[in-house]
Amino acid sequence: MFTIEILFLVFQNYQNKKERGNAFGYAIQKNISRFL
């Protein structure tokens, strides 16, 4: 049970980082397309 909770927290953290990364990449793409 304890290990499952740790794996879930790690997975949740990974998902959050991925979403933040996608939002960051999207913002950069928007800025680049505006400058071009």
N, C-alpha and C. Protein backbone atom coordinates (compact mmCIF):
# COMPACT_ATOMS: atom_id res chain seq x y z
N MET A 1 0.84 -1.20 0.00
CA MET A 1 0.00 0.00 0.00
C MET A 1 0.88 1.26 0.00
N PHE A 2 1.92 1.24 0.83
CA PHE A 2 2.82 2.39 0.94
C PHE A 2 3.53 2.68 -0.38
N THR A 3 4.01 1.62 -1.03
CA THR A 3 4.73 1.80 -2.31
C THR A 3 3.80 2.31 -3.39
N ILE A 4 2.55 1.86 -3.39
CA ILE A 4 1.57 2.32 -4.39
C ILE A 4 1.35 3.82 -4.22
N GLU A 5 1.27 4.28 -2.97
CA GLU A 5 1.07 5.72 -2.73
C GLU A 5 2.26 6.52 -3.24
N ILE A 6 3.47 6.02 -3.03
CA ILE A 6 4.67 6.71 -3.51
C ILE A 6 4.66 6.76 -5.03
N LEU A 7 4.37 5.64 -5.67
CA LEU A 7 4.33 5.60 -7.14
C LEU A 7 3.29 6.57 -7.67
N PHE A 8 2.15 6.66 -6.98
CA PHE A 8 1.09 7.56 -7.41
C PHE A 8 1.54 9.01 -7.31
N LEU A 9 2.23 9.35 -6.20
CA LEU A 9 2.73 10.72 -6.03
C LEU A 9 3.77 11.05 -7.08
N VAL A 10 4.65 10.11 -7.38
CA VAL A 10 5.68 10.33 -8.40
C VAL A 10 5.02 10.54 -9.76
N PHE A 11 4.02 9.71 -10.07
CA PHE A 11 3.31 9.82 -11.35
C PHE A 11 2.59 11.16 -11.45
N GLN A 12 1.95 11.57 -10.36
CA GLN A 12 1.24 12.85 -10.33
C GLN A 12 2.21 14.00 -10.57
N ASN A 13 3.38 13.93 -9.92
CA ASN A 13 4.40 14.95 -10.08
C ASN A 13 4.87 15.01 -11.52
N TYR A 14 5.05 13.83 -12.14
CA TYR A 14 5.48 13.76 -13.53
C TYR A 14 4.44 14.38 -14.45
N GLN A 15 3.17 14.09 -14.20
CA GLN A 15 2.09 14.65 -15.02
C GLN A 15 2.08 16.18 -14.90
N ASN A 16 2.23 16.68 -13.69
CA ASN A 16 2.23 18.13 -13.47
C ASN A 16 3.39 18.79 -14.22
N LYS A 17 4.58 18.18 -14.16
CA LYS A 17 5.75 18.73 -14.85
C LYS A 17 5.52 18.72 -16.35
N LYS A 18 4.89 17.64 -16.86
CA LYS A 18 4.64 17.53 -18.30
C LYS A 18 3.68 18.63 -18.73
N GLU A 19 2.62 18.86 -17.97
CA GLU A 19 1.64 19.89 -18.32
C GLU A 19 2.27 21.28 -18.29
N ARG A 20 3.10 21.52 -17.27
CA ARG A 20 3.78 22.81 -17.16
C ARG A 20 4.73 23.00 -18.34
N GLY A 21 5.43 21.93 -18.71
CA GLY A 21 6.34 21.99 -19.84
C GLY A 21 5.61 22.29 -21.13
N ASN A 22 4.44 21.66 -21.32
CA ASN A 22 3.65 21.89 -22.53
C ASN A 22 3.16 23.34 -22.59
N ALA A 23 2.71 23.86 -21.46
CA ALA A 23 2.23 25.24 -21.42
C ALA A 23 3.37 26.20 -21.72
N PHE A 24 4.56 25.89 -21.17
CA PHE A 24 5.73 26.74 -21.40
C PHE A 24 6.13 26.71 -22.87
N GLY A 25 6.15 25.52 -23.46
CA GLY A 25 6.50 25.37 -24.87
C GLY A 25 5.47 26.08 -25.76
N TYR A 26 4.21 26.01 -25.39
CA TYR A 26 3.15 26.66 -26.16
C TYR A 26 3.33 28.18 -26.12
N ALA A 27 3.68 28.71 -24.95
CA ALA A 27 3.89 30.16 -24.82
C ALA A 27 5.06 30.60 -25.68
N ILE A 28 6.13 29.81 -25.68
CA ILE A 28 7.31 30.14 -26.50
C ILE A 28 6.94 30.13 -27.98
N GLN A 29 6.21 29.09 -28.39
CA GLN A 29 5.79 29.00 -29.80
C GLN A 29 4.96 30.21 -30.20
N LYS A 30 4.06 30.63 -29.32
CA LYS A 30 3.20 31.79 -29.60
C LYS A 30 4.04 33.05 -29.77
N ASN A 31 5.03 33.23 -28.86
CA ASN A 31 5.89 34.41 -28.94
C ASN A 31 6.72 34.40 -30.21
N ILE A 32 7.26 33.23 -30.58
CA ILE A 32 8.09 33.13 -31.79
C ILE A 32 7.24 33.46 -33.02
N SER A 33 6.04 32.90 -33.10
CA SER A 33 5.20 33.13 -34.27
C SER A 33 4.79 34.60 -34.36
N ARG A 34 4.70 35.28 -33.21
CA ARG A 34 4.32 36.69 -33.22
C ARG A 34 5.48 37.55 -33.73
N PHE A 35 6.73 37.14 -33.40
CA PHE A 35 7.89 37.91 -33.82
C PHE A 35 8.22 37.69 -35.29
N LEU A 36 7.88 36.53 -35.84
CA LEU A 36 8.23 36.22 -37.22
C LEU A 36 7.35 36.97 -38.22
